[in-house]
Amino acid sequence: MAAPVEVARPGLGTRMVTFYHDVIAEMKKVTWPDRPQLQQATIQIIVFVLVIGAVIALLDVGLQALLVRLPSMLLGR
């Protein structure tokens, strides 16, 4: 039976430099949005967050009112 062959790994410094170069190469492939696209996306996100916040607030108020009134209705007070 043959002994397992160990493959030498590059050192930490070499791997970090390779990773850095790979990141730079990928970042050059990215298509960055221009200013109008960025503004439009920002506005859409803000509106979405406000709508979701309003829905959560309405659910909170509704459930709170229900859960406060429910025990009194069940107990007949």
PDB file of N, CA and C in Angstrom:
ATOM      1  N   MET A   1       0.851  -1.174   0.000  1.00  0.00           N
ATOM      2  CA  MET A   1       0.000   0.000   0.000  1.00  0.00           C
ATOM      3  C   MET A   1       0.895   1.235   0.000  1.00  0.00           C
ATOM      4  N   ALA A   2       0.622   2.175  -0.903  1.00  0.00           N
ATOM      5  CA  ALA A   2       1.446   3.373  -1.040  1.00  0.00           C
ATOM      6  C   ALA A   2       1.033   4.405   0.005  1.00  0.00           C
ATOM      7  N   ALA A   3       2.032   5.148   0.465  1.00  0.00           N
ATOM      8  CA  ALA A   3       1.763   6.211   1.443  1.00  0.00           C
ATOM      9  C   ALA A   3       1.057   7.367   0.733  1.00  0.00           C
ATOM     10  N   PRO A   4       0.160   8.055   1.442  1.00  0.00           N
ATOM     11  CA  PRO A   4      -0.536   9.182   0.822  1.00  0.00           C
ATOM     12  C   PRO A   4       0.450  10.284   0.429  1.00  0.00           C
ATOM     13  N   VAL A   5       0.187  10.891  -0.702  1.00  0.00           N
ATOM     14  CA  VAL A   5       1.062  11.951  -1.195  1.00  0.00           C
ATOM     15  C   VAL A   5       0.571  13.276  -0.634  1.00  0.00           C
ATOM     16  N   GLU A   6       1.471  14.001   0.007  1.00  0.00           N
ATOM     17  CA  GLU A   6       1.096  15.294   0.556  1.00  0.00           C
ATOM     18  C   GLU A   6       1.400  16.375  -0.465  1.00  0.00           C
ATOM     19  N   VAL A   7       0.406  17.215  -0.709  1.00  0.00           N
ATOM     20  CA  VAL A   7       0.579  18.316  -1.646  1.00  0.00           C
ATOM     21  C   VAL A   7       0.952  19.550  -0.836  1.00  0.00           C
ATOM     22  N   ALA A   8       2.028  20.192  -1.216  1.00  0.00           N
ATOM     23  CA  ALA A   8       2.485  21.376  -0.491  1.00  0.00           C
ATOM     24  C   ALA A   8       1.560  22.548  -0.796  1.00  0.00           C
ATOM     25  N   ARG A   9       1.041  23.141   0.261  1.00  0.00           N
ATOM     26  CA  ARG A   9       0.193  24.320   0.098  1.00  0.00           C
ATOM     27  C   ARG A   9       1.067  25.558   0.108  1.00  0.00           C
ATOM     28  N   PRO A  10       0.660  26.571  -0.672  1.00  0.00           N
ATOM     29  CA  PRO A  10       1.420  27.817  -0.617  1.00  0.00           C
ATOM     30  C   PRO A  10       1.276  28.449   0.770  1.00  0.00           C
ATOM     31  N   GLY A  11       2.224  29.297   1.109  1.00  0.00           N
ATOM     32  CA  GLY A  11       2.211  29.933   2.414  1.00  0.00           C
ATOM     33  C   GLY A  11       1.064  30.924   2.553  1.00  0.00           C
ATOM     34  N   LEU A  12       0.852  31.387   3.767  1.00  0.00           N
ATOM     35  CA  LEU A  12      -0.231  32.316   4.059  1.00  0.00           C
ATOM     36  C   LEU A  12      -0.076  33.606   3.264  1.00  0.00           C
ATOM     37  N   GLY A  13       1.124  34.134   3.195  1.00  0.00           N
ATOM     38  CA  GLY A  13       1.359  35.373   2.455  1.00  0.00           C
ATOM     39  C   GLY A  13       1.009  35.229   0.987  1.00  0.00           C
ATOM     40  N   THR A  14       1.410  34.128   0.384  1.00  0.00           N
ATOM     41  CA  THR A  14       1.128  33.878  -1.031  1.00  0.00           C
ATOM     42  C   THR A  14      -0.373  33.757  -1.267  1.00  0.00           C
ATOM     43  N   ARG A  15      -1.053  33.043  -0.365  1.00  0.00           N
ATOM     44  CA  ARG A  15      -2.500  32.897  -0.511  1.00  0.00           C
ATOM     45  C   ARG A  15      -3.213  34.234  -0.351  1.00  0.00           C
ATOM     46  N   MET A  16      -2.747  35.088   0.571  1.00  0.00           N
ATOM     47  CA  MET A  16      -3.379  36.394   0.767  1.00  0.00           C
ATOM     48  C   MET A  16      -3.181  37.291  -0.451  1.00  0.00           C
ATOM     49  N   VAL A  17      -1.988  37.268  -1.038  1.00  0.00           N
ATOM     50  CA  VAL A  17      -1.725  38.074  -2.233  1.00  0.00           C
ATOM     51  C   VAL A  17      -2.583  37.578  -3.391  1.00  0.00           C
ATOM     52  N   THR A  18      -2.680  36.257  -3.550  1.00  0.00           N
ATOM     53  CA  THR A  18      -3.517  35.692  -4.610  1.00  0.00           C
ATOM     54  C   THR A  18      -4.972  36.089  -4.404  1.00  0.00           C
ATOM     55  N   PHE A  19      -5.447  36.020  -3.166  1.00  0.00           N
ATOM     56  CA  PHE A  19      -6.821  36.415  -2.871  1.00  0.00           C
ATOM     57  C   PHE A  19      -7.037  37.887  -3.220  1.00  0.00           C
ATOM     58  N   TYR A  20      -6.101  38.735  -2.844  1.00  0.00           N
ATOM     59  CA  TYR A  20      -6.201  40.171  -3.134  1.00  0.00           C
ATOM     60  C   TYR A  20      -6.284  40.401  -4.647  1.00  0.00           C
ATOM     61  N   HIS A  21      -5.443  39.754  -5.410  1.00  0.00           N
ATOM     62  CA  HIS A  21      -5.458  39.915  -6.862  1.00  0.00           C
ATOM     63  C   HIS A  21      -6.771  39.404  -7.467  1.00  0.00           C
ATOM     64  N   ASP A  22      -7.292  38.311  -6.929  1.00  0.00           N
ATOM     65  CA  ASP A  22      -8.568  37.786  -7.404  1.00  0.00           C
ATOM     66  C   ASP A  22      -9.709  38.761  -7.108  1.00  0.00           C
ATOM     67  N   VAL A  23      -9.684  39.380  -5.929  1.00  0.00           N
ATOM     68  CA  VAL A  23     -10.716  40.351  -5.575  1.00  0.00           C
ATOM     69  C   VAL A  23     -10.656  41.545  -6.517  1.00  0.00           C
ATOM     70  N   ILE A  24      -9.460  42.055  -6.786  1.00  0.00           N
ATOM     71  CA  ILE A  24      -9.296  43.195  -7.700  1.00  0.00           C
ATOM     72  C   ILE A  24      -9.818  42.828  -9.093  1.00  0.00           C
ATOM     73  N   ALA A  25      -9.507  41.628  -9.563  1.00  0.00           N
ATOM     74  CA  ALA A  25      -9.969  41.195 -10.888  1.00  0.00           C
ATOM     75  C   ALA A  25     -11.490  41.121 -10.938  1.00  0.00           C
ATOM     76  N   GLU A  26     -12.122  40.622  -9.874  1.00  0.00           N
ATOM     77  CA  GLU A  26     -13.586  40.540  -9.849  1.00  0.00           C
ATOM     78  C   GLU A  26     -14.215  41.923  -9.747  1.00  0.00           C
ATOM     79  N   MET A  27     -13.614  42.815  -8.987  1.00  0.00           N
ATOM     80  CA  MET A  27     -14.166  44.167  -8.838  1.00  0.00           C
ATOM     81  C   MET A  27     -14.132  44.927 -10.164  1.00  0.00           C
ATOM     82  N   LYS A  28     -13.186  44.612 -11.024  1.00  0.00           N
ATOM     83  CA  LYS A  28     -13.121  45.257 -12.337  1.00  0.00           C
ATOM     84  C   LYS A  28     -14.257  44.786 -13.245  1.00  0.00           C
ATOM     85  N   LYS A  29     -14.838  43.620 -12.952  1.00  0.00           N
ATOM     86  CA  LYS A  29     -15.933  43.085 -13.752  1.00  0.00           C
ATOM     87  C   LYS A  29     -17.288  43.657 -13.346  1.00  0.00           C
ATOM     88  N   VAL A  30     -17.357  44.291 -12.179  1.00  0.00           N
ATOM     89  CA  VAL A  30     -18.619  44.781 -11.642  1.00  0.00           C
ATOM     90  C   VAL A  30     -19.117  45.966 -12.463  1.00  0.00           C
ATOM     91  N   THR A  31     -20.419  45.970 -12.742  1.00  0.00           N
ATOM     92  CA  THR A  31     -21.045  47.107 -13.398  1.00  0.00           C
ATOM     93  C   THR A  31     -21.653  47.977 -12.306  1.00  0.00           C
ATOM     94  N   TRP A  32     -21.065  49.146 -12.087  1.00  0.00           N
ATOM     95  CA  TRP A  32     -21.511  50.024 -11.020  1.00  0.00           C
ATOM     96  C   TRP A  32     -22.654  50.900 -11.515  1.00  0.00           C
ATOM     97  N   PRO A  33     -23.655  51.171 -10.665  1.00  0.00           N
ATOM     98  CA  PRO A  33     -24.767  52.023 -11.082  1.00  0.00           C
ATOM     99  C   PRO A  33     -24.324  53.483 -11.179  1.00  0.00           C
ATOM    100  N   ASP A  34     -24.966  54.217 -12.102  1.00  0.00           N
ATOM    101  CA  ASP A  34     -24.664  55.645 -12.171  1.00  0.00           C
ATOM    102  C   ASP A  34     -25.529  56.367 -11.129  1.00  0.00           C
ATOM    103  N   ARG A  35     -25.347  57.675 -11.017  1.00  0.00           N
ATOM    104  CA  ARG A  35     -26.017  58.436  -9.966  1.00  0.00           C
ATOM    105  C   ARG A  35     -27.552  58.348 -10.028  1.00  0.00           C
ATOM    106  N   PRO A  36     -28.190  58.510 -11.204  1.00  0.00           N
ATOM    107  CA  PRO A  36     -29.657  58.393 -11.236  1.00  0.00           C
ATOM    108  C   PRO A  36     -30.160  57.007 -10.813  1.00  0.00           C
ATOM    109  N   GLN A  37     -29.467  55.964 -11.221  1.00  0.00           N
ATOM    110  CA  GLN A  37     -29.861  54.608 -10.819  1.00  0.00           C
ATOM    111  C   GLN A  37     -29.742  54.447  -9.300  1.00  0.00           C
ATOM    112  N   LEU A  38     -28.672  54.997  -8.747  1.00  0.00           N
ATOM    113  CA  LEU A  38     -28.447  54.898  -7.308  1.00  0.00           C
ATOM    114  C   LEU A  38     -29.515  55.676  -6.541  1.00  0.00           C
ATOM    115  N   GLN A  39     -29.871  56.870  -7.024  1.00  0.00           N
ATOM    116  CA  GLN A  39     -30.914  57.659  -6.379  1.00  0.00           C
ATOM    117  C   GLN A  39     -32.259  56.944  -6.450  1.00  0.00           C
ATOM    118  N   GLN A  40     -32.590  56.381  -7.598  1.00  0.00           N
ATOM    119  CA  GLN A  40     -33.858  55.668  -7.768  1.00  0.00           C
ATOM    120  C   GLN A  40     -33.932  54.463  -6.833  1.00  0.00           C
ATOM    121  N   ALA A  41     -32.862  53.703  -6.757  1.00  0.00           N
ATOM    122  CA  ALA A  41     -32.845  52.534  -5.880  1.00  0.00           C
ATOM    123  C   ALA A  41     -32.960  52.959  -4.416  1.00  0.00           C
ATOM    124  N   THR A  42     -32.309  54.048  -4.048  1.00  0.00           N
ATOM    125  CA  THR A  42     -32.367  54.533  -2.674  1.00  0.00           C
ATOM    126  C   THR A  42     -33.788  54.958  -2.314  1.00  0.00           C
ATOM    127  N   ILE A  43     -34.448  55.674  -3.211  1.00  0.00           N
ATOM    128  CA  ILE A  43     -35.823  56.101  -2.969  1.00  0.00           C
ATOM    129  C   ILE A  43     -36.739  54.890  -2.829  1.00  0.00           C
ATOM    130  N   GLN A  44     -36.570  53.907  -3.702  1.00  0.00           N
ATOM    131  CA  GLN A  44     -37.402  52.698  -3.634  1.00  0.00           C
ATOM    132  C   GLN A  44     -37.204  51.972  -2.310  1.00  0.00           C
ATOM    133  N   ILE A  45     -35.980  51.893  -1.842  1.00  0.00           N
ATOM    134  CA  ILE A  45     -35.695  51.200  -0.581  1.00  0.00           C
ATOM    135  C   ILE A  45     -36.316  51.959   0.587  1.00  0.00           C
ATOM    136  N   ILE A  46     -36.192  53.290   0.592  1.00  0.00           N
ATOM    137  CA  ILE A  46     -36.767  54.082   1.675  1.00  0.00           C
ATOM    138  C   ILE A  46     -38.284  53.932   1.703  1.00  0.00           C
ATOM    139  N   VAL A  47     -38.936  53.994   0.540  1.00  0.00           N
ATOM    140  CA  VAL A  47     -40.392  53.837   0.478  1.00  0.00           C
ATOM    141  C   VAL A  47     -40.785  52.439   0.958  1.00  0.00           C
ATOM    142  N   PHE A  48     -40.068  51.425   0.527  1.00  0.00           N
ATOM    143  CA  PHE A  48     -40.357  50.052   0.937  1.00  0.00           C
ATOM    144  C   PHE A  48     -40.251  49.898   2.454  1.00  0.00           C
ATOM    145  N   VAL A  49     -39.197  50.439   3.034  1.00  0.00           N
ATOM    146  CA  VAL A  49     -38.993  50.341   4.484  1.00  0.00           C
ATOM    147  C   VAL A  49     -40.115  51.068   5.225  1.00  0.00           C
ATOM    148  N   LEU A  50     -40.519  52.246   4.732  1.00  0.00           N
ATOM    149  CA  LEU A  50     -41.608  52.985   5.367  1.00  0.00           C
ATOM    150  C   LEU A  50     -42.925  52.215   5.291  1.00  0.00           C
ATOM    151  N   VAL A  51     -43.203  51.595   4.141  1.00  0.00           N
ATOM    152  CA  VAL A  51     -44.437  50.815   3.993  1.00  0.00           C
ATOM    153  C   VAL A  51     -44.425  49.612   4.931  1.00  0.00           C
ATOM    154  N   ILE A  52     -43.328  48.888   4.974  1.00  0.00           N
ATOM    155  CA  ILE A  52     -43.233  47.728   5.868  1.00  0.00           C
ATOM    156  C   ILE A  52     -43.347  48.170   7.320  1.00  0.00           C
ATOM    157  N   GLY A  53     -42.731  49.300   7.671  1.00  0.00           N
ATOM    158  CA  GLY A  53     -42.849  49.827   9.036  1.00  0.00           C
ATOM    159  C   GLY A  53     -44.283  50.162   9.377  1.00  0.00           C
ATOM    160  N   ALA A  54     -45.024  50.756   8.431  1.00  0.00           N
ATOM    161  CA  ALA A  54     -46.431  51.092   8.664  1.00  0.00           C
ATOM    162  C   ALA A  54     -47.261  49.827   8.845  1.00  0.00           C
ATOM    163  N   VAL A  55     -47.005  48.807   8.038  1.00  0.00           N
ATOM    164  CA  VAL A  55     -47.745  47.545   8.170  1.00  0.00           C
ATOM    165  C   VAL A  55     -47.473  46.922   9.535  1.00  0.00           C
ATOM    166  N   ILE A  56     -46.228  46.899   9.961  1.00  0.00           N
ATOM    167  CA  ILE A  56     -45.889  46.326  11.265  1.00  0.00           C
ATOM    168  C   ILE A  56     -46.531  47.138  12.387  1.00  0.00           C
ATOM    169  N   ALA A  57     -46.527  48.470  12.256  1.00  0.00           N
ATOM    170  CA  ALA A  57     -47.151  49.315  13.278  1.00  0.00           C
ATOM    171  C   ALA A  57     -48.648  49.047  13.361  1.00  0.00           C
ATOM    172  N   LEU A  58     -49.309  48.931  12.213  1.00  0.00           N
ATOM    173  CA  LEU A  58     -50.750  48.639  12.218  1.00  0.00           C
ATOM    174  C   LEU A  58     -51.042  47.269  12.833  1.00  0.00           C
ATOM    175  N   LEU A  59     -50.242  46.276  12.493  1.00  0.00           N
ATOM    176  CA  LEU A  59     -50.417  44.955  13.102  1.00  0.00           C
ATOM    177  C   LEU A  59     -50.194  45.014  14.610  1.00  0.00           C
ATOM    178  N   ASP A  60     -49.212  45.770  15.035  1.00  0.00           N
ATOM    179  CA  ASP A  60     -48.916  45.905  16.454  1.00  0.00           C
ATOM    180  C   ASP A  60     -50.090  46.542  17.190  1.00  0.00           C
ATOM    181  N   VAL A  61     -50.615  47.632  16.645  1.00  0.00           N
ATOM    182  CA  VAL A  61     -51.749  48.310  17.281  1.00  0.00           C
ATOM    183  C   VAL A  61     -52.976  47.396  17.290  1.00  0.00           C
ATOM    184  N   GLY A  62     -53.235  46.738  16.166  1.00  0.00           N
ATOM    185  CA  GLY A  62     -54.390  45.847  16.092  1.00  0.00           C
ATOM    186  C   GLY A  62     -54.287  44.680  17.053  1.00  0.00           C
ATOM    187  N   LEU A  63     -53.152  44.026  17.079  1.00  0.00           N
ATOM    188  CA  LEU A  63     -52.984  42.881  17.979  1.00  0.00           C
ATOM    189  C   LEU A  63     -52.985  43.314  19.439  1.00  0.00           C
ATOM    190  N   GLN A  64     -52.411  44.460  19.714  1.00  0.00           N
ATOM    191  CA  GLN A  64     -52.402  44.955  21.085  1.00  0.00           C
ATOM    192  C   GLN A  64     -53.832  45.233  21.550  1.00  0.00           C
ATOM    193  N   ALA A  65     -54.619  45.884  20.712  1.00  0.00           N
ATOM    194  CA  ALA A  65     -56.007  46.161  21.067  1.00  0.00           C
ATOM    195  C   ALA A  65     -56.782  44.861  21.252  1.00  0.00           C
ATOM    196  N   LEU A  66     -56.569  43.914  20.377  1.00  0.00           N
ATOM    197  CA  LEU A  66     -57.257  42.627  20.473  1.00  0.00           C
ATOM    198  C   LEU A  66     -56.860  41.887  21.745  1.00  0.00           C
ATOM    199  N   LEU A  67     -55.589  41.846  22.039  1.00  0.00           N
ATOM    200  CA  LEU A  67     -55.118  41.081  23.191  1.00  0.00           C
ATOM    201  C   LEU A  67     -55.431  41.770  24.510  1.00  0.00           C
ATOM    202  N   VAL A  68     -55.636  43.079  24.482  1.00  0.00           N
ATOM    203  CA  VAL A  68     -56.041  43.776  25.699  1.00  0.00           C
ATOM    204  C   VAL A  68     -57.541  43.567  25.931  1.00  0.00           C
ATOM    205  N   ARG A  69     -58.319  43.596  24.871  1.00  0.00           N
ATOM    206  CA  ARG A  69     -59.771  43.448  25.003  1.00  0.00           C
ATOM    207  C   ARG A  69     -60.210  41.980  25.142  1.00  0.00           C
ATOM    208  N   LEU A  70     -59.456  41.074  24.580  1.00  0.00           N
ATOM    209  CA  LEU A  70     -59.856  39.671  24.580  1.00  0.00           C
ATOM    210  C   LEU A  70     -60.038  39.102  25.983  1.00  0.00           C
ATOM    211  N   PRO A  71     -59.111  39.292  26.904  1.00  0.00           N
ATOM    212  CA  PRO A  71     -59.332  38.724  28.250  1.00  0.00           C
ATOM    213  C   PRO A  71     -60.572  39.300  28.927  1.00  0.00           C
ATOM    214  N   SER A  72     -60.814  40.605  28.733  1.00  0.00           N
ATOM    215  CA  SER A  72     -61.999  41.197  29.383  1.00  0.00           C
ATOM    216  C   SER A  72     -63.278  40.657  28.749  1.00  0.00           C
ATOM    217  N   MET A  73     -63.254  40.382  27.449  1.00  0.00           N
ATOM    218  CA  MET A  73     -64.432  39.822  26.801  1.00  0.00           C
ATOM    219  C   MET A  73     -64.653  38.378  27.246  1.00  0.00           C
ATOM    220  N   LEU A  74     -63.580  37.612  27.396  1.00  0.00           N
ATOM    221  CA  LEU A  74     -63.708  36.216  27.808  1.00  0.00           C
ATOM    222  C   LEU A  74     -64.125  36.083  29.273  1.00  0.00           C
ATOM    223  N   LEU A  75     -63.659  37.006  30.100  1.00  0.00           N
ATOM    224  CA  LEU A  75     -63.973  36.929  31.523  1.00  0.00           C
ATOM    225  C   LEU A  75     -65.260  37.669  31.853  1.00  0.00           C
ATOM    226  N   GLY A  76     -65.851  38.362  30.888  1.00  0.00           N
ATOM    227  CA  GLY A  76     -67.131  39.031  31.092  1.00  0.00           C
ATOM    228  C   GLY A  76     -67.034  40.296  31.904  1.00  0.00           C
ATOM    229  N   ARG A  77     -65.939  40.989  31.850  1.00  0.00           N
ATOM    230  CA  ARG A  77     -65.809  42.236  32.613  1.00  0.00           C
ATOM    231  C   ARG A  77     -66.126  43.410  31.761  1.00  0.00           C
TER     232      ARG A  77
END
